[in-house]
PDB file of N, CA and C in Angstrom:
ATOM      1  N   MET A   1     133.542  78.682 143.942  1.00  0.00           N
ATOM      2  CA  MET A   1     131.999  78.418 144.147  1.00  0.00           C
ATOM      3  C   MET A   1     131.852  78.840 145.490  1.00  0.00           C
ATOM      4  N   SER A   2     130.625  79.727 145.451  1.00  0.00           N
ATOM      5  CA  SER A   2     130.217  80.220 146.988  1.00  0.00           C
ATOM      6  C   SER A   2     129.375  79.493 147.660  1.00  0.00           C
ATOM      7  N   ALA A   3     129.381  79.190 148.893  1.00  0.00           N
ATOM      8  CA  ALA A   3     128.808  78.381 149.209  1.00  0.00           C
ATOM      9  C   ALA A   3     127.039  78.769 149.445  1.00  0.00           C
ATOM     10  N   GLN A   4     126.332  77.802 149.510  1.00  0.00           N
ATOM     11  CA  GLN A   4     124.893  77.979 149.473  1.00  0.00           C
ATOM     12  C   GLN A   4     124.781  77.986 150.929  1.00  0.00           C
ATOM     13  N   SER A   5     123.602  78.926 151.166  1.00  0.00           N
ATOM     14  CA  SER A   5     123.106  79.371 152.415  1.00  0.00           C
ATOM     15  C   SER A   5     121.988  78.431 153.099  1.00  0.00           C
ATOM     16  N   PRO A   6     121.694  78.073 154.059  1.00  0.00           N
ATOM     17  CA  PRO A   6     120.309  76.781 154.344  1.00  0.00           C
ATOM     18  C   PRO A   6     119.149  77.173 153.397  1.00  0.00           C
ATOM     19  N   ALA A   7     118.766  78.145 153.411  1.00  0.00           N
ATOM     20  CA  ALA A   7     117.467  78.654 152.479  1.00  0.00           C
ATOM     21  C   ALA A   7     117.967  78.257 151.002  1.00  0.00           C
ATOM     22  N   GLU A   8     118.936  78.652 150.393  1.00  0.00           N
ATOM     23  CA  GLU A   8     119.464  78.361 148.967  1.00  0.00           C
ATOM     24  C   GLU A   8     119.424  76.691 148.866  1.00  0.00           C
ATOM     25  N   ASN A   9     119.889  75.958 150.163  1.00  0.00           N
ATOM     26  CA  ASN A   9     119.790  74.546 150.111  1.00  0.00           C
ATOM     27  C   ASN A   9     118.806  74.065 150.008  1.00  0.00           C
ATOM     28  N   GLU A  10     117.962  74.490 150.842  1.00  0.00           N
ATOM     29  CA  GLU A  10     116.351  73.984 151.064  1.00  0.00           C
ATOM     30  C   GLU A  10     115.788  74.115 149.540  1.00  0.00           C
ATOM     31  N   LEU A  11     116.099  75.326 148.859  1.00  0.00           N
ATOM     32  CA  LEU A  11     115.204  75.507 147.615  1.00  0.00           C
ATOM     33  C   LEU A  11     115.768  74.911 146.554  1.00  0.00           C
ATOM     34  N   ALA A  12     117.179  74.722 146.483  1.00  0.00           N
ATOM     35  CA  ALA A  12     117.826  73.795 145.660  1.00  0.00           C
ATOM     36  C   ALA A  12     117.286  72.139 145.706  1.00  0.00           C
ATOM     37  N   ARG A  13     117.125  71.906 146.968  1.00  0.00           N
ATOM     38  CA  ARG A  13     116.442  70.617 146.866  1.00  0.00           C
ATOM     39  C   ARG A  13     115.145  70.220 146.514  1.00  0.00           C
ATOM     40  N   LEU A  14     114.284  71.525 146.649  1.00  0.00           N
ATOM     41  CA  LEU A  14     112.970  71.502 146.018  1.00  0.00           C
ATOM     42  C   LEU A  14     113.124  71.406 144.523  1.00  0.00           C
ATOM     43  N   LEU A  15     113.980  72.280 144.021  1.00  0.00           N
ATOM     44  CA  LEU A  15     114.200  72.339 142.530  1.00  0.00           C
ATOM     45  C   LEU A  15     114.763  71.064 142.044  1.00  0.00           C
ATOM     46  N   VAL A  16     115.554  70.258 142.596  1.00  0.00           N
ATOM     47  CA  VAL A  16     116.041  69.032 141.950  1.00  0.00           C
ATOM     48  C   VAL A  16     114.847  67.818 141.981  1.00  0.00           C
ATOM     49  N   GLU A  17     114.220  67.825 143.184  1.00  0.00           N
ATOM     50  CA  GLU A  17     113.018  66.876 143.530  1.00  0.00           C
ATOM     51  C   GLU A  17     111.849  67.356 142.550  1.00  0.00           C
ATOM     52  N   SER A  18     111.459  68.479 142.484  1.00  0.00           N
ATOM     53  CA  SER A  18     110.183  68.847 141.533  1.00  0.00           C
ATOM     54  C   SER A  18     110.583  68.584 140.046  1.00  0.00           C
ATOM     55  N   LEU A  19     111.780  69.102 139.779  1.00  0.00           N
ATOM     56  CA  LEU A  19     111.856  68.992 138.038  1.00  0.00           C
ATOM     57  C   LEU A  19     112.785  67.480 138.211  1.00  0.00           C
ATOM     58  N   ASN A  20     112.810  66.684 138.999  1.00  0.00           N
ATOM     59  CA  ASN A  20     113.560  65.195 138.410  1.00  0.00           C
ATOM     60  C   ASN A  20     114.880  65.268 138.032  1.00  0.00           C
ATOM     61  N   LEU A  21     115.732  66.201 138.457  1.00  0.00           N
ATOM     62  CA  LEU A  21     116.930  66.690 137.987  1.00  0.00           C
ATOM     63  C   LEU A  21     117.866  65.455 138.662  1.00  0.00           C
ATOM     64  N   GLU A  22     117.910  64.159 138.179  1.00  0.00           N
ATOM     65  CA  GLU A  22     118.423  63.164 138.558  1.00  0.00           C
ATOM     66  C   GLU A  22     119.962  62.967 138.860  1.00  0.00           C
ATOM     67  N   GLU A  23     120.729  63.886 137.943  1.00  0.00           N
ATOM     68  CA  GLU A  23     122.131  64.164 137.803  1.00  0.00           C
ATOM     69  C   GLU A  23     122.673  65.193 138.696  1.00  0.00           C
ATOM     70  N   VAL A  24     121.689  65.944 139.267  1.00  0.00           N
ATOM     71  CA  VAL A  24     122.288  66.983 139.877  1.00  0.00           C
ATOM     72  C   VAL A  24     122.166  66.719 141.527  1.00  0.00           C
ATOM     73  N   GLU A  25     122.962  66.948 142.065  1.00  0.00           N
ATOM     74  CA  GLU A  25     123.132  67.163 143.463  1.00  0.00           C
ATOM     75  C   GLU A  25     122.545  68.552 144.116  1.00  0.00           C
ATOM     76  N   PRO A  26     121.627  68.889 145.114  1.00  0.00           N
ATOM     77  CA  PRO A  26     121.219  70.084 145.418  1.00  0.00           C
ATOM     78  C   PRO A  26     122.540  71.059 145.777  1.00  0.00           C
ATOM     79  N   GLY A  27     123.426  70.274 146.794  1.00  0.00           N
ATOM     80  CA  GLY A  27     124.692  71.146 147.138  1.00  0.00           C
ATOM     81  C   GLY A  27     125.738  71.385 146.020  1.00  0.00           C
ATOM     82  N   GLU A  28     125.466  71.066 144.730  1.00  0.00           N
ATOM     83  CA  GLU A  28     126.172  71.085 143.560  1.00  0.00           C
ATOM     84  C   GLU A  28     125.786  72.303 143.139  1.00  0.00           C
ATOM     85  N   ILE A  29     124.684  72.883 143.316  1.00  0.00           N
ATOM     86  CA  ILE A  29     124.314  74.035 142.369  1.00  0.00           C
ATOM     87  C   ILE A  29     124.753  75.283 142.881  1.00  0.00           C
ATOM     88  N   GLU A  30     125.734  75.918 142.004  1.00  0.00           N
ATOM     89  CA  GLU A  30     126.196  77.206 142.329  1.00  0.00           C
ATOM     90  C   GLU A  30     125.164  78.252 142.472  1.00  0.00           C
ATOM     91  N   PRO A  31     125.197  79.079 143.727  1.00  0.00           N
ATOM     92  CA  PRO A  31     124.091  79.926 143.966  1.00  0.00           C
ATOM     93  C   PRO A  31     123.924  81.094 142.920  1.00  0.00           C
ATOM     94  N   GLU A  32     125.182  81.353 142.400  1.00  0.00           N
ATOM     95  CA  GLU A  32     125.283  82.690 141.366  1.00  0.00           C
ATOM     96  C   GLU A  32     125.333  82.372 140.013  1.00  0.00           C
ATOM     97  N   ALA A  33     125.139  80.825 139.804  1.00  0.00           N
ATOM     98  CA  ALA A  33     125.224  80.540 138.365  1.00  0.00           C
ATOM     99  C   ALA A  33     123.611  80.709 137.523  1.00  0.00           C
ATOM    100  N   PRO A  34     123.370  80.867 136.552  1.00  0.00           N
ATOM    101  CA  PRO A  34     122.270  81.257 135.658  1.00  0.00           C
ATOM    102  C   PRO A  34     121.464  79.393 135.928  1.00  0.00           C
ATOM    103  N   LEU A  35     120.007  80.002 135.961  1.00  0.00           N
ATOM    104  CA  LEU A  35     119.381  78.537 136.329  1.00  0.00           C
ATOM    105  C   LEU A  35     118.934  78.341 134.554  1.00  0.00           C
ATOM    106  N   PHE A  36     119.040  79.027 133.716  1.00  0.00           N
ATOM    107  CA  PHE A  36     118.663  78.814 132.393  1.00  0.00           C
ATOM    108  C   PHE A  36     119.377  78.861 131.469  1.00  0.00           C
ATOM    109  N   GLY A  37     119.446  78.494 130.329  1.00  0.00           N
ATOM    110  CA  GLY A  37     120.444  78.497 129.336  1.00  0.00           C
ATOM    111  C   GLY A  37     121.936  77.736 129.705  1.00  0.00           C
ATOM    112  N   GLU A  38     122.890  78.582 129.724  1.00  0.00           N
ATOM    113  CA  GLU A  38     124.419  77.931 130.130  1.00  0.00           C
ATOM    114  C   GLU A  38     124.209  77.323 131.361  1.00  0.00           C
ATOM    115  N   GLY A  39     123.582  77.747 132.207  1.00  0.00           N
ATOM    116  CA  GLY A  39     123.806  77.215 133.897  1.00  0.00           C
ATOM    117  C   GLY A  39     123.079  75.987 134.220  1.00  0.00           C
ATOM    118  N   LEU A  40     122.058  75.681 134.878  1.00  0.00           N
ATOM    119  CA  LEU A  40     121.410  74.270 134.827  1.00  0.00           C
ATOM    120  C   LEU A  40     120.595  74.027 133.536  1.00  0.00           C
ATOM    121  N   GLY A  41     120.351  75.007 132.604  1.00  0.00           N
ATOM    122  CA  GLY A  41     119.666  74.666 131.397  1.00  0.00           C
ATOM    123  C   GLY A  41     118.519  74.440 131.482  1.00  0.00           C
ATOM    124  N   LEU A  42     117.773  74.866 132.435  1.00  0.00           N
ATOM    125  CA  LEU A  42     116.493  74.874 132.508  1.00  0.00           C
ATOM    126  C   LEU A  42     115.422  75.557 131.358  1.00  0.00           C
ATOM    127  N   ASP A  43     114.160  75.110 131.174  1.00  0.00           N
ATOM    128  CA  ASP A  43     113.469  75.877 130.080  1.00  0.00           C
ATOM    129  C   ASP A  43     112.304  76.440 130.927  1.00  0.00           C
ATOM    130  N   SER A  44     111.390  76.902 129.699  1.00  0.00           N
ATOM    131  CA  SER A  44     110.055  77.791 130.493  1.00  0.00           C
ATOM    132  C   SER A  44     109.085  76.432 131.066  1.00  0.00           C
ATOM    133  N   ILE A  45     109.191  75.359 130.479  1.00  0.00           N
ATOM    134  CA  ILE A  45     108.315  74.464 131.139  1.00  0.00           C
ATOM    135  C   ILE A  45     108.672  74.093 132.565  1.00  0.00           C
ATOM    136  N   ASP A  46     110.211  74.093 132.786  1.00  0.00           N
ATOM    137  CA  ASP A  46     110.852  73.807 134.150  1.00  0.00           C
ATOM    138  C   ASP A  46     110.557  75.009 135.142  1.00  0.00           C
ATOM    139  N   ALA A  47     110.459  76.314 134.369  1.00  0.00           N
ATOM    140  CA  ALA A  47     110.118  77.768 135.528  1.00  0.00           C
ATOM    141  C   ALA A  47     108.728  77.391 135.728  1.00  0.00           C
ATOM    142  N   LEU A  48     107.738  76.810 134.902  1.00  0.00           N
ATOM    143  CA  LEU A  48     106.438  76.784 135.566  1.00  0.00           C
ATOM    144  C   LEU A  48     106.147  75.712 136.520  1.00  0.00           C
ATOM    145  N   GLU A  49     106.980  74.524 136.244  1.00  0.00           N
ATOM    146  CA  GLU A  49     106.886  73.290 137.216  1.00  0.00           C
ATOM    147  C   GLU A  49     107.545  74.100 138.575  1.00  0.00           C
ATOM    148  N   LEU A  50     108.609  74.750 138.636  1.00  0.00           N
ATOM    149  CA  LEU A  50     109.222  75.189 139.545  1.00  0.00           C
ATOM    150  C   LEU A  50     108.401  76.210 140.191  1.00  0.00           C
ATOM    151  N   SER A  51     107.679  77.080 139.788  1.00  0.00           N
ATOM    152  CA  SER A  51     106.990  77.859 140.135  1.00  0.00           C
ATOM    153  C   SER A  51     105.442  77.313 141.086  1.00  0.00           C
ATOM    154  N   LEU A  52     105.123  76.365 140.509  1.00  0.00           N
ATOM    155  CA  LEU A  52     103.991  75.523 141.159  1.00  0.00           C
ATOM    156  C   LEU A  52     104.464  74.888 142.306  1.00  0.00           C
ATOM    157  N   ALA A  53     105.842  74.286 142.522  1.00  0.00           N
ATOM    158  CA  ALA A  53     106.270  73.537 143.605  1.00  0.00           C
ATOM    159  C   ALA A  53     106.656  74.454 144.805  1.00  0.00           C
ATOM    160  N   ILE A  54     107.170  75.896 144.353  1.00  0.00           N
ATOM    161  CA  ILE A  54     107.397  76.747 145.262  1.00  0.00           C
ATOM    162  C   ILE A  54     106.270  77.389 146.002  1.00  0.00           C
ATOM    163  N   ASN A  55     105.072  77.617 144.951  1.00  0.00           N
ATOM    164  CA  ASN A  55     103.764  77.968 145.618  1.00  0.00           C
ATOM    165  C   ASN A  55     103.360  76.964 146.750  1.00  0.00           C
ATOM    166  N   LYS A  56     103.377  75.647 146.366  1.00  0.00           N
ATOM    167  CA  LYS A  56     102.867  74.626 147.101  1.00  0.00           C
ATOM    168  C   LYS A  56     103.674  74.562 148.443  1.00  0.00           C
ATOM    169  N   HIS A  57     105.061  74.756 148.216  1.00  0.00           N
ATOM    170  CA  HIS A  57     106.061  74.430 149.373  1.00  0.00           C
ATOM    171  C   HIS A  57     105.966  75.692 150.135  1.00  0.00           C
ATOM    172  N   TYR A  58     106.179  76.758 149.729  1.00  0.00           N
ATOM    173  CA  TYR A  58     106.274  78.047 150.538  1.00  0.00           C
ATOM    174  C   TYR A  58     105.128  79.079 150.602  1.00  0.00           C
ATOM    175  N   GLY A  59     104.086  78.926 149.647  1.00  0.00           N
ATOM    176  CA  GLY A  59     103.004  79.458 149.494  1.00  0.00           C
ATOM    177  C   GLY A  59     103.149  80.859 148.610  1.00  0.00           C
ATOM    178  N   VAL A  60     104.316  80.758 147.980  1.00  0.00           N
ATOM    179  CA  VAL A  60     104.609  82.141 147.547  1.00  0.00           C
ATOM    180  C   VAL A  60     104.269  81.706 145.837  1.00  0.00           C
ATOM    181  N   GLN A  61     103.576  82.767 145.366  1.00  0.00           N
ATOM    182  CA  GLN A  61     102.835  82.832 144.120  1.00  0.00           C
ATOM    183  C   GLN A  61     103.831  83.520 142.954  1.00  0.00           C
ATOM    184  N   LEU A  62     104.387  82.838 142.154  1.00  0.00           N
ATOM    185  CA  LEU A  62     105.002  83.536 140.844  1.00  0.00           C
ATOM    186  C   LEU A  62     104.104  83.560 139.867  1.00  0.00           C
ATOM    187  N   ARG A  63     104.195  84.665 139.291  1.00  0.00           N
ATOM    188  CA  ARG A  63     103.013  84.860 138.035  1.00  0.00           C
ATOM    189  C   ARG A  63     104.086  84.406 136.717  1.00  0.00           C
ATOM    190  N   SER A  64     103.267  83.801 135.956  1.00  0.00           N
ATOM    191  CA  SER A  64     104.039  83.354 134.605  1.00  0.00           C
ATOM    192  C   SER A  64     104.353  84.606 133.975  1.00  0.00           C
ATOM    193  N   ASP A  65     103.441  85.595 133.925  1.00  0.00           N
ATOM    194  CA  ASP A  65     103.659  86.818 132.925  1.00  0.00           C
ATOM    195  C   ASP A  65     104.324  87.859 133.804  1.00  0.00           C
ATOM    196  N   GLY A  66     105.012  87.728 134.923  1.00  0.00           N
ATOM    197  CA  GLY A  66     105.460  88.629 135.848  1.00  0.00           C
ATOM    198  C   GLY A  66     106.657  89.225 135.268  1.00  0.00           C
ATOM    199  N   GLU A  67     106.686  90.529 134.946  1.00  0.00           N
ATOM    200  CA  GLU A  67     108.013  91.471 134.388  1.00  0.00           C
ATOM    201  C   GLU A  67     109.250  91.211 135.156  1.00  0.00           C
ATOM    202  N   ALA A  68     109.242  91.046 136.206  1.00  0.00           N
ATOM    203  CA  ALA A  68     110.325  90.680 136.934  1.00  0.00           C
ATOM    204  C   ALA A  68     110.839  89.151 137.300  1.00  0.00           C
ATOM    205  N   ASN A  69     110.292  88.060 136.166  1.00  0.00           N
ATOM    206  CA  ASN A  69     110.725  87.003 136.383  1.00  0.00           C
ATOM    207  C   ASN A  69     112.050  86.621 135.796  1.00  0.00           C
ATOM    208  N   ARG A  70     112.483  87.271 134.951  1.00  0.00           N
ATOM    209  CA  ARG A  70     113.934  87.182 134.615  1.00  0.00           C
ATOM    210  C   ARG A  70     115.066  87.651 135.660  1.00  0.00           C
ATOM    211  N   ARG A  71     114.597  88.423 136.360  1.00  0.00           N
ATOM    212  CA  ARG A  71     115.602  88.730 137.426  1.00  0.00           C
ATOM    213  C   ARG A  71     115.257  87.586 138.680  1.00  0.00           C
ATOM    214  N   ILE A  72     114.134  87.374 138.885  1.00  0.00           N
ATOM    215  CA  ILE A  72     113.900  86.170 140.116  1.00  0.00           C
ATOM    216  C   ILE A  72     114.390  84.994 139.376  1.00  0.00           C
ATOM    217  N   PHE A  73     114.275  84.727 138.281  1.00  0.00           N
ATOM    218  CA  PHE A  73     114.852  83.060 138.376  1.00  0.00           C
ATOM    219  C   PHE A  73     116.445  83.190 137.565  1.00  0.00           C
ATOM    220  N   ALA A  74     116.845  84.553 138.039  1.00  0.00           N
ATOM    221  CA  ALA A  74     118.263  84.647 137.430  1.00  0.00           C
ATOM    222  C   ALA A  74     119.280  83.401 137.637  1.00  0.00           C
ATOM    223  N   SER A  75     119.290  83.192 139.157  1.00  0.00           N
ATOM    224  CA  SER A  75     120.193  82.364 139.743  1.00  0.00           C
ATOM    225  C   SER A  75     119.251  81.809 141.144  1.00  0.00           C
ATOM    226  N   LEU A  76     119.724  80.554 141.940  1.00  0.00           N
ATOM    227  CA  LEU A  76     119.239  80.187 142.802  1.00  0.00           C
ATOM    228  C   LEU A  76     119.298  81.130 143.882  1.00  0.00           C
ATOM    229  N   ARG A  77     120.502  82.030 144.011  1.00  0.00           N
ATOM    230  CA  ARG A  77     120.573  83.068 144.899  1.00  0.00           C
ATOM    231  C   ARG A  77     119.396  83.993 144.766  1.00  0.00           C
ATOM    232  N   ALA A  78     119.076  84.230 143.610  1.00  0.00           N
ATOM    233  CA  ALA A  78     118.046  85.492 143.114  1.00  0.00           C
ATOM    234  C   ALA A  78     116.703  85.121 143.615  1.00  0.00           C
ATOM    235  N   LEU A  79     116.363  83.758 143.506  1.00  0.00           N
ATOM    236  CA  LEU A  79     115.050  82.836 143.562  1.00  0.00           C
ATOM    237  C   LEU A  79     115.060  82.626 145.037  1.00  0.00           C
ATOM    238  N   SER A  80     115.788  82.391 145.725  1.00  0.00           N
ATOM    239  CA  SER A  80     115.993  82.196 147.158  1.00  0.00           C
ATOM    240  C   SER A  80     115.648  83.365 147.818  1.00  0.00           C
ATOM    241  N   ALA A  81     116.144  84.516 147.229  1.00  0.00           N
ATOM    242  CA  ALA A  81     116.301  86.136 147.978  1.00  0.00           C
ATOM    243  C   ALA A  81     114.733  86.342 147.841  1.00  0.00           C
ATOM    244  N   HIS A  82     114.173  86.257 146.882  1.00  0.00           N
ATOM    245  CA  HIS A  82     112.835  86.545 146.374  1.00  0.00           C
ATOM    246  C   HIS A  82     111.556  85.462 147.068  1.00  0.00           C
ATOM    247  N   VAL A  83     111.956  84.378 147.169  1.00  0.00           N
ATOM    248  CA  VAL A  83     111.219  83.773 148.088  1.00  0.00           C
ATOM    249  C   VAL A  83     111.173  84.110 149.518  1.00  0.00           C
ATOM    250  N   GLU A  84     112.222  84.481 150.017  1.00  0.00           N
ATOM    251  CA  GLU A  84     112.355  84.772 151.581  1.00  0.00           C
ATOM    252  C   GLU A  84     111.833  86.246 151.883  1.00  0.00           C
ATOM    253  N   GLN A  85     111.818  86.991 150.601  1.00  0.00           N
ATOM    254  CA  GLN A  85     111.320  88.026 150.941  1.00  0.00           C
ATOM    255  C   GLN A  85     109.859  88.221 150.860  1.00  0.00           C
ATOM    256  N   SER A  86     109.468  87.394 150.136  1.00  0.00           N
ATOM    257  CA  SER A  86     107.795  87.245 149.844  1.00  0.00           C
ATOM    258  C   SER A  86     107.060  86.580 151.123  1.00  0.00           C
ATOM    259  N   ARG A  87     108.097  85.883 151.400  1.00  0.00           N
ATOM    260  CA  ARG A  87     107.309  85.007 152.870  1.00  0.00           C
ATOM    261  C   ARG A  87     107.290  85.953 153.882  1.00  0.00           C
ATOM    262  N   ALA A  88     108.064  87.006 154.093  1.00  0.00           N
ATOM    263  CA  ALA A  88     108.036  87.935 154.891  1.00  0.00           C
ATOM    264  C   ALA A  88     107.123  89.045 155.141  1.00  0.00           C
ATOM    265  N   ALA A  89     106.652  89.334 153.860  1.00  0.00           N
ATOM    266  CA  ALA A  89     105.572  90.418 153.574  1.00  0.00           C
ATOM    267  C   ALA A  89     104.426  89.859 153.908  1.00  0.00           C
TER     268      ALA A  89
END
């Protein structure tokens, strides 16, 4: 298991809180593991809720019909990198 960066840990906390993942500790989320399917098991409703939380917390807007969503939501690390890149732009 690779370690989370501080930005990934902050995003993991937001993910756990916004989706009410009571049995998941933010620090236990593997940065490279898939968020959907076999990884955390998130679904499309979770993606929508997480997008809203990211928008509110970071001011980064993720479009529901965005072509890059599969890549952006691939893992905690990919999502964190996208948020950081969007905030810097």
